[in-house]
Amino acid sequence: MIGAGNFARLVMLPALMKMNGIAWRGICTAKGFHAEHTGRGAGFEFATTDNAEIWSDRDTAAVFITTRHDLHADLVIAALRAGKHVFVEKPLCIRAEELARIRLRRGVG
């Protein structure tokens, strides 16, 4: 998971924690305290402030992106380049050129 703001912590994580089959690997936030605090409480294996640790983790198959909206497009592209499945909290992006970059990365259209 990348991002641990109010929506992620108070809405998404509680709902996802009710689901079977999710093994939490890493959580990444801009501030280490948020990553560590949220990660410990939700049972993540590690906490970080460096997205590269999420991308390079071989045991991470999917990434939940729950950051500020203006960061979504670049994080989606980075996750896809790292071979990860992606769930991004809406919106996918905020500019048409970001959508074009995402489409190019996925080979769509």
PDB file of N, CA and C in Angstrom:
ATOM      1  N   MET A   1       0.853  -1.173   0.000  1.00  0.00           N
ATOM      2  CA  MET A   1       0.000   0.000   0.000  1.00  0.00           C
ATOM      3  C   MET A   1       0.891   1.225   0.000  1.00  0.00           C
ATOM      4  N   ILE A   2       0.522   2.189  -0.839  1.00  0.00           N
ATOM      5  CA  ILE A   2       1.235   3.457  -0.864  1.00  0.00           C
ATOM      6  C   ILE A   2       0.237   4.537  -0.491  1.00  0.00           C
ATOM      7  N   GLY A   3       0.513   5.175   0.640  1.00  0.00           N
ATOM      8  CA  GLY A   3      -0.386   6.186   1.179  1.00  0.00           C
ATOM      9  C   GLY A   3      -1.140   5.640   2.375  1.00  0.00           C
ATOM     10  N   ALA A   4      -1.251   6.471   3.403  1.00  0.00           N
ATOM     11  CA  ALA A   4      -1.982   6.057   4.606  1.00  0.00           C
ATOM     12  C   ALA A   4      -2.700   7.261   5.207  1.00  0.00           C
ATOM     13  N   GLY A   5      -3.399   7.968   4.337  1.00  0.00           N
ATOM     14  CA  GLY A   5      -4.196   9.098   4.798  1.00  0.00           C
ATOM     15  C   GLY A   5      -5.468   8.616   5.465  1.00  0.00           C
ATOM     16  N   ASN A   6      -6.334   9.550   5.772  1.00  0.00           N
ATOM     17  CA  ASN A   6      -7.566   9.211   6.486  1.00  0.00           C
ATOM     18  C   ASN A   6      -8.416   8.183   5.747  1.00  0.00           C
ATOM     19  N   PHE A   7      -8.619   8.372   4.440  1.00  0.00           N
ATOM     20  CA  PHE A   7      -9.458   7.433   3.693  1.00  0.00           C
ATOM     21  C   PHE A   7      -8.861   6.028   3.719  1.00  0.00           C
ATOM     22  N   ALA A   8      -7.571   5.922   3.514  1.00  0.00           N
ATOM     23  CA  ALA A   8      -6.914   4.605   3.523  1.00  0.00           C
ATOM     24  C   ALA A   8      -7.022   3.954   4.901  1.00  0.00           C
ATOM     25  N   ARG A   9      -6.710   4.707   5.926  1.00  0.00           N
ATOM     26  CA  ARG A   9      -6.695   4.146   7.284  1.00  0.00           C
ATOM     27  C   ARG A   9      -8.083   3.870   7.840  1.00  0.00           C
ATOM     28  N   LEU A  10      -9.028   4.776   7.576  1.00  0.00           N
ATOM     29  CA  LEU A  10     -10.330   4.676   8.219  1.00  0.00           C
ATOM     30  C   LEU A  10     -11.385   3.944   7.398  1.00  0.00           C
ATOM     31  N   VAL A  11     -11.195   3.866   6.090  1.00  0.00           N
ATOM     32  CA  VAL A  11     -12.193   3.227   5.232  1.00  0.00           C
ATOM     33  C   VAL A  11     -11.634   1.991   4.526  1.00  0.00           C
ATOM     34  N   MET A  12     -10.570   2.181   3.758  1.00  0.00           N
ATOM     35  CA  MET A  12     -10.060   1.068   2.948  1.00  0.00           C
ATOM     36  C   MET A  12      -9.484  -0.074   3.783  1.00  0.00           C
ATOM     37  N   LEU A  13      -8.543   0.240   4.661  1.00  0.00           N
ATOM     38  CA  LEU A  13      -7.905  -0.825   5.434  1.00  0.00           C
ATOM     39  C   LEU A  13      -8.896  -1.650   6.243  1.00  0.00           C
ATOM     40  N   PRO A  14      -9.821  -1.033   6.979  1.00  0.00           N
ATOM     41  CA  PRO A  14     -10.780  -1.861   7.722  1.00  0.00           C
ATOM     42  C   PRO A  14     -11.591  -2.784   6.814  1.00  0.00           C
ATOM     43  N   ALA A  15     -11.988  -2.295   5.642  1.00  0.00           N
ATOM     44  CA  ALA A  15     -12.750  -3.140   4.714  1.00  0.00           C
ATOM     45  C   ALA A  15     -11.878  -4.259   4.156  1.00  0.00           C
ATOM     46  N   LEU A  16     -10.660  -3.936   3.778  1.00  0.00           N
ATOM     47  CA  LEU A  16      -9.762  -4.942   3.205  1.00  0.00           C
ATOM     48  C   LEU A  16      -9.331  -5.986   4.234  1.00  0.00           C
ATOM     49  N   MET A  17      -9.212  -5.572   5.482  1.00  0.00           N
ATOM     50  CA  MET A  17      -8.775  -6.508   6.518  1.00  0.00           C
ATOM     51  C   MET A  17      -9.838  -7.573   6.803  1.00  0.00           C
ATOM     52  N   LYS A  18     -11.080  -7.337   6.381  1.00  0.00           N
ATOM     53  CA  LYS A  18     -12.144  -8.326   6.543  1.00  0.00           C
ATOM     54  C   LYS A  18     -12.085  -9.408   5.466  1.00  0.00           C
ATOM     55  N   MET A  19     -11.302  -9.164   4.429  1.00  0.00           N
ATOM     56  CA  MET A  19     -11.210 -10.108   3.316  1.00  0.00           C
ATOM     57  C   MET A  19     -10.159 -11.174   3.606  1.00  0.00           C
ATOM     58  N   ASN A  20     -10.439 -12.371   3.157  1.00  0.00           N
ATOM     59  CA  ASN A  20      -9.470 -13.463   3.302  1.00  0.00           C
ATOM     60  C   ASN A  20      -8.478 -13.425   2.145  1.00  0.00           C
ATOM     61  N   GLY A  21      -7.281 -13.922   2.392  1.00  0.00           N
ATOM     62  CA  GLY A  21      -6.305 -14.114   1.330  1.00  0.00           C
ATOM     63  C   GLY A  21      -5.379 -12.951   1.055  1.00  0.00           C
ATOM     64  N   ILE A  22      -5.456 -11.887   1.830  1.00  0.00           N
ATOM     65  CA  ILE A  22      -4.537 -10.768   1.629  1.00  0.00           C
ATOM     66  C   ILE A  22      -3.415 -10.883   2.658  1.00  0.00           C
ATOM     67  N   ALA A  23      -2.196 -10.994   2.154  1.00  0.00           N
ATOM     68  CA  ALA A  23      -1.014 -10.997   3.021  1.00  0.00           C
ATOM     69  C   ALA A  23      -0.343  -9.639   2.852  1.00  0.00           C
ATOM     70  N   TRP A  24      -0.416  -8.808   3.866  1.00  0.00           N
ATOM     71  CA  TRP A  24       0.122  -7.454   3.791  1.00  0.00           C
ATOM     72  C   TRP A  24       1.632  -7.476   3.800  1.00  0.00           C
ATOM     73  N   ARG A  25       2.246  -6.898   2.788  1.00  0.00           N
ATOM     74  CA  ARG A  25       3.704  -6.848   2.700  1.00  0.00           C
ATOM     75  C   ARG A  25       4.215  -5.500   3.202  1.00  0.00           C
ATOM     76  N   GLY A  26       4.242  -4.502   2.324  1.00  0.00           N
ATOM     77  CA  GLY A  26       4.814  -3.222   2.703  1.00  0.00           C
ATOM     78  C   GLY A  26       3.828  -2.088   2.622  1.00  0.00           C
ATOM     79  N   ILE A  27       4.080  -1.092   3.452  1.00  0.00           N
ATOM     80  CA  ILE A  27       3.301   0.144   3.409  1.00  0.00           C
ATOM     81  C   ILE A  27       4.289   1.289   3.296  1.00  0.00           C
ATOM     82  N   CYS A  28       3.966   2.225   2.417  1.00  0.00           N
ATOM     83  CA  CYS A  28       4.853   3.355   2.149  1.00  0.00           C
ATOM     84  C   CYS A  28       4.076   4.654   2.306  1.00  0.00           C
ATOM     85  N   THR A  29       4.645   5.574   3.070  1.00  0.00           N
ATOM     86  CA  THR A  29       4.067   6.910   3.207  1.00  0.00           C
ATOM     87  C   THR A  29       5.196   7.930   3.130  1.00  0.00           C
ATOM     88  N   ALA A  30       4.840   9.178   2.911  1.00  0.00           N
ATOM     89  CA  ALA A  30       5.842  10.239   2.839  1.00  0.00           C
ATOM     90  C   ALA A  30       6.525  10.451   4.185  1.00  0.00           C
ATOM     91  N   LYS A  31       5.784  10.199   5.252  1.00  0.00           N
ATOM     92  CA  LYS A  31       6.336  10.367   6.596  1.00  0.00           C
ATOM     93  C   LYS A  31       6.447   8.993   7.255  1.00  0.00           C
ATOM     94  N   GLY A  32       7.626   8.648   7.678  1.00  0.00           N
ATOM     95  CA  GLY A  32       7.885   7.332   8.246  1.00  0.00           C
ATOM     96  C   GLY A  32       7.009   6.976   9.429  1.00  0.00           C
ATOM     97  N   PHE A  33       6.657   7.964  10.240  1.00  0.00           N
ATOM     98  CA  PHE A  33       5.820   7.682  11.403  1.00  0.00           C
ATOM     99  C   PHE A  33       4.484   7.090  10.973  1.00  0.00           C
ATOM    100  N   HIS A  34       3.869   7.673   9.932  1.00  0.00           N
ATOM    101  CA  HIS A  34       2.570   7.170   9.462  1.00  0.00           C
ATOM    102  C   HIS A  34       2.697   5.748   8.933  1.00  0.00           C
ATOM    103  N   ALA A  35       3.748   5.482   8.194  1.00  0.00           N
ATOM    104  CA  ALA A  35       3.956   4.129   7.664  1.00  0.00           C
ATOM    105  C   ALA A  35       4.141   3.141   8.808  1.00  0.00           C
ATOM    106  N   GLU A  36       4.983   3.478   9.740  1.00  0.00           N
ATOM    107  CA  GLU A  36       5.268   2.579  10.862  1.00  0.00           C
ATOM    108  C   GLU A  36       4.031   2.355  11.722  1.00  0.00           C
ATOM    109  N   HIS A  37       3.342   3.424  12.065  1.00  0.00           N
ATOM    110  CA  HIS A  37       2.167   3.327  12.935  1.00  0.00           C
ATOM    111  C   HIS A  37       1.045   2.520  12.265  1.00  0.00           C
ATOM    112  N   THR A  38       0.713   2.877  11.037  1.00  0.00           N
ATOM    113  CA  THR A  38      -0.356   2.179  10.316  1.00  0.00           C
ATOM    114  C   THR A  38       0.051   0.743  10.016  1.00  0.00           C
ATOM    115  N   GLY A  39       1.288   0.573   9.590  1.00  0.00           N
ATOM    116  CA  GLY A  39       1.772  -0.765   9.256  1.00  0.00           C
ATOM    117  C   GLY A  39       1.743  -1.719  10.429  1.00  0.00           C
ATOM    118  N   ARG A  40       2.164  -1.248  11.572  1.00  0.00           N
ATOM    119  CA  ARG A  40       2.169  -2.097  12.772  1.00  0.00           C
ATOM    120  C   ARG A  40       0.739  -2.477  13.155  1.00  0.00           C
ATOM    121  N   GLY A  41      -0.164  -1.510  13.106  1.00  0.00           N
ATOM    122  CA  GLY A  41      -1.543  -1.768  13.497  1.00  0.00           C
ATOM    123  C   GLY A  41      -2.292  -2.692  12.551  1.00  0.00           C
ATOM    124  N   ALA A  42      -1.914  -2.688  11.275  1.00  0.00           N
ATOM    125  CA  ALA A  42      -2.623  -3.504  10.282  1.00  0.00           C
ATOM    126  C   ALA A  42      -1.882  -4.796   9.932  1.00  0.00           C
ATOM    127  N   GLY A  43      -0.718  -5.009  10.505  1.00  0.00           N
ATOM    128  CA  GLY A  43       0.002  -6.256  10.279  1.00  0.00           C
ATOM    129  C   GLY A  43       0.851  -6.311   9.019  1.00  0.00           C
ATOM    130  N   PHE A  44       1.335  -5.171   8.541  1.00  0.00           N
ATOM    131  CA  PHE A  44       2.229  -5.157   7.389  1.00  0.00           C
ATOM    132  C   PHE A  44       3.593  -5.717   7.792  1.00  0.00           C
ATOM    133  N   GLU A  45       4.282  -6.347   6.847  1.00  0.00           N
ATOM    134  CA  GLU A  45       5.607  -6.912   7.094  1.00  0.00           C
ATOM    135  C   GLU A  45       6.670  -5.830   7.254  1.00  0.00           C
ATOM    136  N   PHE A  46       6.537  -4.741   6.485  1.00  0.00           N
ATOM    137  CA  PHE A  46       7.526  -3.669   6.607  1.00  0.00           C
ATOM    138  C   PHE A  46       6.890  -2.323   6.289  1.00  0.00           C
ATOM    139  N   ALA A  47       7.534  -1.266   6.767  1.00  0.00           N
ATOM    140  CA  ALA A  47       7.095   0.100   6.520  1.00  0.00           C
ATOM    141  C   ALA A  47       8.271   0.875   5.945  1.00  0.00           C
ATOM    142  N   THR A  48       7.964   1.801   5.035  1.00  0.00           N
ATOM    143  CA  THR A  48       9.024   2.545   4.367  1.00  0.00           C
ATOM    144  C   THR A  48       8.534   3.906   3.918  1.00  0.00           C
ATOM    145  N   THR A  49       9.469   4.767   3.562  1.00  0.00           N
ATOM    146  CA  THR A  49       9.148   6.040   2.925  1.00  0.00           C
ATOM    147  C   THR A  49       9.634   6.048   1.477  1.00  0.00           C
ATOM    148  N   ASP A  50      10.143   4.922   0.999  1.00  0.00           N
ATOM    149  CA  ASP A  50      10.721   4.813  -0.343  1.00  0.00           C
ATOM    150  C   ASP A  50       9.898   3.858  -1.204  1.00  0.00           C
ATOM    151  N   ASN A  51       9.197   4.400  -2.206  1.00  0.00           N
ATOM    152  CA  ASN A  51       8.380   3.572  -3.096  1.00  0.00           C
ATOM    153  C   ASN A  51       9.167   2.431  -3.726  1.00  0.00           C
ATOM    154  N   ALA A  52      10.445   2.641  -3.974  1.00  0.00           N
ATOM    155  CA  ALA A  52      11.277   1.616  -4.621  1.00  0.00           C
ATOM    156  C   ALA A  52      11.286   0.313  -3.822  1.00  0.00           C
ATOM    157  N   GLU A  53      11.145   0.402  -2.525  1.00  0.00           N
ATOM    158  CA  GLU A  53      11.098  -0.821  -1.720  1.00  0.00           C
ATOM    159  C   GLU A  53       9.854  -1.638  -2.021  1.00  0.00           C
ATOM    160  N   ILE A  54       8.759  -0.967  -2.329  1.00  0.00           N
ATOM    161  CA  ILE A  54       7.524  -1.669  -2.709  1.00  0.00           C
ATOM    162  C   ILE A  54       7.705  -2.282  -4.093  1.00  0.00           C
ATOM    163  N   TRP A  55       8.210  -1.480  -5.043  1.00  0.00           N
ATOM    164  CA  TRP A  55       8.372  -1.969  -6.420  1.00  0.00           C
ATOM    165  C   TRP A  55       9.328  -3.159  -6.480  1.00  0.00           C
ATOM    166  N   SER A  56      10.372  -3.152  -5.678  1.00  0.00           N
ATOM    167  CA  SER A  56      11.385  -4.208  -5.764  1.00  0.00           C
ATOM    168  C   SER A  56      11.070  -5.442  -4.919  1.00  0.00           C
ATOM    169  N   ASP A  57      10.037  -5.387  -4.110  1.00  0.00           N
ATOM    170  CA  ASP A  57       9.703  -6.525  -3.255  1.00  0.00           C
ATOM    171  C   ASP A  57       9.099  -7.654  -4.096  1.00  0.00           C
ATOM    172  N   ARG A  58       9.807  -8.755  -4.193  1.00  0.00           N
ATOM    173  CA  ARG A  58       9.374  -9.875  -5.035  1.00  0.00           C
ATOM    174  C   ARG A  58       8.077 -10.513  -4.559  1.00  0.00           C
ATOM    175  N   ASP A  59       7.769 -10.396  -3.282  1.00  0.00           N
ATOM    176  CA  ASP A  59       6.565 -11.016  -2.742  1.00  0.00           C
ATOM    177  C   ASP A  59       5.335 -10.111  -2.816  1.00  0.00           C
ATOM    178  N   THR A  60       5.508  -8.907  -3.321  1.00  0.00           N
ATOM    179  CA  THR A  60       4.373  -8.000  -3.504  1.00  0.00           C
ATOM    180  C   THR A  60       3.826  -8.190  -4.912  1.00  0.00           C
ATOM    181  N   ALA A  61       2.597  -8.679  -4.997  1.00  0.00           N
ATOM    182  CA  ALA A  61       1.973  -8.916  -6.306  1.00  0.00           C
ATOM    183  C   ALA A  61       1.081  -7.759  -6.728  1.00  0.00           C
ATOM    184  N   ALA A  62       0.479  -7.083  -5.758  1.00  0.00           N
ATOM    185  CA  ALA A  62      -0.464  -6.005  -6.059  1.00  0.00           C
ATOM    186  C   ALA A  62      -0.205  -4.833  -5.122  1.00  0.00           C
ATOM    187  N   VAL A  63      -0.497  -3.648  -5.635  1.00  0.00           N
ATOM    188  CA  VAL A  63      -0.273  -2.427  -4.868  1.00  0.00           C
ATOM    189  C   VAL A  63      -1.568  -1.626  -4.811  1.00  0.00           C
ATOM    190  N   PHE A  64      -1.918  -1.177  -3.619  1.00  0.00           N
ATOM    191  CA  PHE A  64      -3.033  -0.260  -3.427  1.00  0.00           C
ATOM    192  C   PHE A  64      -2.431   1.147  -3.366  1.00  0.00           C
ATOM    193  N   ILE A  65      -2.889   2.027  -4.245  1.00  0.00           N
ATOM    194  CA  ILE A  65      -2.398   3.401  -4.265  1.00  0.00           C
ATOM    195  C   ILE A  65      -3.494   4.303  -3.709  1.00  0.00           C
ATOM    196  N   THR A  66      -3.188   4.926  -2.577  1.00  0.00           N
ATOM    197  CA  THR A  66      -4.186   5.734  -1.867  1.00  0.00           C
ATOM    198  C   THR A  66      -3.605   7.087  -1.460  1.00  0.00           C
ATOM    199  N   THR A  67      -2.815   7.655  -2.344  1.00  0.00           N
ATOM    200  CA  THR A  67      -2.150   8.926  -2.066  1.00  0.00           C
ATOM    201  C   THR A  67      -3.005  10.099  -2.540  1.00  0.00           C
ATOM    202  N   ARG A  68      -2.419  11.286  -2.478  1.00  0.00           N
ATOM    203  CA  ARG A  68      -3.072  12.464  -3.049  1.00  0.00           C
ATOM    204  C   ARG A  68      -3.311  12.231  -4.532  1.00  0.00           C
ATOM    205  N   HIS A  69      -4.375  12.775  -5.053  1.00  0.00           N
ATOM    206  CA  HIS A  69      -4.780  12.542  -6.442  1.00  0.00           C
ATOM    207  C   HIS A  69      -3.716  12.935  -7.455  1.00  0.00           C
ATOM    208  N   ASP A  70      -2.973  14.002  -7.178  1.00  0.00           N
ATOM    209  CA  ASP A  70      -1.975  14.457  -8.142  1.00  0.00           C
ATOM    210  C   ASP A  70      -0.777  13.513  -8.250  1.00  0.00           C
ATOM    211  N   LEU A  71      -0.671  12.543  -7.372  1.00  0.00           N
ATOM    212  CA  LEU A  71       0.419  11.566  -7.415  1.00  0.00           C
ATOM    213  C   LEU A  71       0.012  10.250  -8.078  1.00  0.00           C
ATOM    214  N   HIS A  72      -1.270  10.037  -8.292  1.00  0.00           N
ATOM    215  CA  HIS A  72      -1.765   8.746  -8.763  1.00  0.00           C
ATOM    216  C   HIS A  72      -1.122   8.287 -10.068  1.00  0.00           C
ATOM    217  N   ALA A  73      -1.121   9.112 -11.099  1.00  0.00           N
ATOM    218  CA  ALA A  73      -0.660   8.680 -12.419  1.00  0.00           C
ATOM    219  C   ALA A  73       0.772   8.153 -12.382  1.00  0.00           C
ATOM    220  N   ASP A  74       1.693   8.910 -11.799  1.00  0.00           N
ATOM    221  CA  ASP A  74       3.093   8.472 -11.763  1.00  0.00           C
ATOM    222  C   ASP A  74       3.267   7.189 -10.957  1.00  0.00           C
ATOM    223  N   LEU A  75       2.525   7.065  -9.868  1.00  0.00           N
ATOM    224  CA  LEU A  75       2.616   5.840  -9.067  1.00  0.00           C
ATOM    225  C   LEU A  75       2.027   4.642  -9.795  1.00  0.00           C
ATOM    226  N   VAL A  76       0.932   4.836 -10.509  1.00  0.00           N
ATOM    227  CA  VAL A  76       0.337   3.752 -11.297  1.00  0.00           C
ATOM    228  C   VAL A  76       1.339   3.270 -12.341  1.00  0.00           C
ATOM    229  N   ILE A  77       1.949   4.209 -13.051  1.00  0.00           N
ATOM    230  CA  ILE A  77       2.922   3.850 -14.089  1.00  0.00           C
ATOM    231  C   ILE A  77       4.112   3.117 -13.477  1.00  0.00           C
ATOM    232  N   ALA A  78       4.622   3.596 -12.362  1.00  0.00           N
ATOM    233  CA  ALA A  78       5.762   2.940 -11.708  1.00  0.00           C
ATOM    234  C   ALA A  78       5.397   1.531 -11.256  1.00  0.00           C
ATOM    235  N   ALA A  79       4.202   1.361 -10.711  1.00  0.00           N
ATOM    236  CA  ALA A  79       3.773   0.029 -10.263  1.00  0.00           C
ATOM    237  C   ALA A  79       3.647  -0.920 -11.445  1.00  0.00           C
ATOM    238  N   LEU A  80       3.074  -0.446 -12.537  1.00  0.00           N
ATOM    239  CA  LEU A  80       2.944  -1.287 -13.730  1.00  0.00           C
ATOM    240  C   LEU A  80       4.313  -1.661 -14.295  1.00  0.00           C
ATOM    241  N   ARG A  81       5.223  -0.714 -14.324  1.00  0.00           N
ATOM    242  CA  ARG A  81       6.590  -0.995 -14.797  1.00  0.00           C
ATOM    243  C   ARG A  81       7.276  -2.034 -13.923  1.00  0.00           C
ATOM    244  N   ALA A  82       6.911  -2.050 -12.649  1.00  0.00           N
ATOM    245  CA  ALA A  82       7.501  -3.027 -11.722  1.00  0.00           C
ATOM    246  C   ALA A  82       6.793  -4.379 -11.807  1.00  0.00           C
ATOM    247  N   GLY A  83       5.788  -4.482 -12.667  1.00  0.00           N
ATOM    248  CA  GLY A  83       5.084  -5.753 -12.846  1.00  0.00           C
ATOM    249  C   GLY A  83       4.037  -6.035 -11.789  1.00  0.00           C
ATOM    250  N   LYS A  84       3.546  -5.005 -11.126  1.00  0.00           N
ATOM    251  CA  LYS A  84       2.554  -5.177 -10.069  1.00  0.00           C
ATOM    252  C   LYS A  84       1.144  -4.970 -10.611  1.00  0.00           C
ATOM    253  N   HIS A  85       0.188  -5.685 -10.044  1.00  0.00           N
ATOM    254  CA  HIS A  85      -1.213  -5.376 -10.266  1.00  0.00           C
ATOM    255  C   HIS A  85      -1.494  -4.110  -9.465  1.00  0.00           C
ATOM    256  N   VAL A  86      -2.446  -3.308  -9.926  1.00  0.00           N
ATOM    257  CA  VAL A  86      -2.673  -2.004  -9.290  1.00  0.00           C
ATOM    258  C   VAL A  86      -4.145  -1.781  -8.994  1.00  0.00           C
ATOM    259  N   PHE A  87      -4.419  -1.359  -7.761  1.00  0.00           N
ATOM    260  CA  PHE A  87      -5.714  -0.801  -7.403  1.00  0.00           C
ATOM    261  C   PHE A  87      -5.420   0.635  -7.001  1.00  0.00           C
ATOM    262  N   VAL A  88      -6.041   1.582  -7.687  1.00  0.00           N
ATOM    263  CA  VAL A  88      -5.824   2.987  -7.348  1.00  0.00           C
ATOM    264  C   VAL A  88      -7.142   3.594  -6.898  1.00  0.00           C
ATOM    265  N   GLU A  89      -7.097   4.207  -5.727  1.00  0.00           N
ATOM    266  CA  GLU A  89      -8.265   4.909  -5.211  1.00  0.00           C
ATOM    267  C   GLU A  89      -8.539   6.061  -6.170  1.00  0.00           C
ATOM    268  N   LYS A  90      -9.787   6.289  -6.513  1.00  0.00           N
ATOM    269  CA  LYS A  90     -10.125   7.276  -7.537  1.00  0.00           C
ATOM    270  C   LYS A  90      -9.637   8.664  -7.195  1.00  0.00           C
ATOM    271  N   PRO A  91      -9.327   9.434  -8.204  1.00  0.00           N
ATOM    272  CA  PRO A  91      -9.346   9.157  -9.637  1.00  0.00           C
ATOM    273  C   PRO A  91      -8.053   8.484 -10.092  1.00  0.00           C
ATOM    274  N   LEU A  92      -8.126   7.813 -11.230  1.00  0.00           N
ATOM    275  CA  LEU A  92      -6.928   7.202 -11.802  1.00  0.00           C
ATOM    276  C   LEU A  92      -5.877   8.260 -12.076  1.00  0.00           C
ATOM    277  N   CYS A  93      -6.298   9.393 -12.602  1.00  0.00           N
ATOM    278  CA  CYS A  93      -5.394  10.507 -12.872  1.00  0.00           C
ATOM    279  C   CYS A  93      -6.237  11.782 -12.946  1.00  0.00           C
ATOM    280  N   ILE A  94      -5.564  12.929 -13.073  1.00  0.00           N
ATOM    281  CA  ILE A  94      -6.318  14.182 -13.086  1.00  0.00           C
ATOM    282  C   ILE A  94      -6.123  14.996 -14.363  1.00  0.00           C
ATOM    283  N   ARG A  95      -5.278  14.538 -15.258  1.00  0.00           N
ATOM    284  CA  ARG A  95      -5.047  15.254 -16.517  1.00  0.00           C
ATOM    285  C   ARG A  95      -5.093  14.269 -17.680  1.00  0.00           C
ATOM    286  N   ALA A  96      -5.557  14.754 -18.825  1.00  0.00           N
ATOM    287  CA  ALA A  96      -5.650  13.903 -20.016  1.00  0.00           C
ATOM    288  C   ALA A  96      -4.285  13.357 -20.420  1.00  0.00           C
ATOM    289  N   GLU A  97      -3.231  14.151 -20.306  1.00  0.00           N
ATOM    290  CA  GLU A  97      -1.892  13.660 -20.685  1.00  0.00           C
ATOM    291  C   GLU A  97      -1.432  12.530 -19.768  1.00  0.00           C
ATOM    292  N   GLU A  98      -1.869  12.533 -18.503  1.00  0.00           N
ATOM    293  CA  GLU A  98      -1.522  11.429 -17.600  1.00  0.00           C
ATOM    294  C   GLU A  98      -2.206  10.148 -18.049  1.00  0.00           C
ATOM    295  N   LEU A  99      -3.455  10.256 -18.460  1.00  0.00           N
ATOM    296  CA  LEU A  99      -4.171   9.087 -18.958  1.00  0.00           C
ATOM    297  C   LEU A  99      -3.490   8.537 -20.201  1.00  0.00           C
ATOM    298  N   ALA A 100      -3.039   9.423 -21.083  1.00  0.00           N
ATOM    299  CA  ALA A 100      -2.322   8.976 -22.282  1.00  0.00           C
ATOM    300  C   ALA A 100      -1.047   8.234 -21.905  1.00  0.00           C
ATOM    301  N   ARG A 101      -0.323   8.739 -20.914  1.00  0.00           N
ATOM    302  CA  ARG A 101       0.900   8.057 -20.465  1.00  0.00           C
ATOM    303  C   ARG A 101       0.588   6.684 -19.875  1.00  0.00           C
ATOM    304  N   ILE A 102      -0.489   6.584 -19.108  1.00  0.00           N
ATOM    305  CA  ILE A 102      -0.889   5.303 -18.528  1.00  0.00           C
ATOM    306  C   ILE A 102      -1.292   4.332 -19.644  1.00  0.00           C
ATOM    307  N   ARG A 103      -2.052   4.807 -20.609  1.00  0.00           N
ATOM    308  CA  ARG A 103      -2.475   3.952 -21.725  1.00  0.00           C
ATOM    309  C   ARG A 103      -1.263   3.445 -22.498  1.00  0.00           C
ATOM    310  N   LEU A 104      -0.279   4.302 -22.732  1.00  0.00           N
ATOM    311  CA  LEU A 104       0.932   3.882 -23.437  1.00  0.00           C
ATOM    312  C   LEU A 104       1.674   2.812 -22.652  1.00  0.00           C
ATOM    313  N   ARG A 105       1.723   2.970 -21.357  1.00  0.00           N
ATOM    314  CA  ARG A 105       2.432   2.009 -20.500  1.00  0.00           C
ATOM    315  C   ARG A 105       1.774   0.641 -20.567  1.00  0.00           C
ATOM    316  N   ARG A 106       0.472   0.609 -20.676  1.00  0.00           N
ATOM    317  CA  ARG A 106      -0.277  -0.651 -20.694  1.00  0.00           C
ATOM    318  C   ARG A 106      -0.463  -1.199 -22.100  1.00  0.00           C
ATOM    319  N   GLY A 107      -0.107  -0.411 -23.119  1.00  0.00           N
ATOM    320  CA  GLY A 107      -0.282  -0.866 -24.481  1.00  0.00           C
ATOM    321  C   GLY A 107      -1.742  -0.886 -24.923  1.00  0.00           C
ATOM    322  N   VAL A 108      -2.573  -0.081 -24.290  1.00  0.00           N
ATOM    323  CA  VAL A 108      -4.006  -0.027 -24.625  1.00  0.00           C
ATOM    324  C   VAL A 108      -4.207   1.030 -25.698  1.00  0.00           C
ATOM    325  N   GLY A 109      -5.061   0.727 -26.668  1.00  0.00           N
ATOM    326  CA  GLY A 109      -5.409   1.714 -27.690  1.00  0.00           C
ATOM    327  C   GLY A 109      -4.283   1.944 -28.585  1.00  0.00           C
TER     328      GLY A 109
END
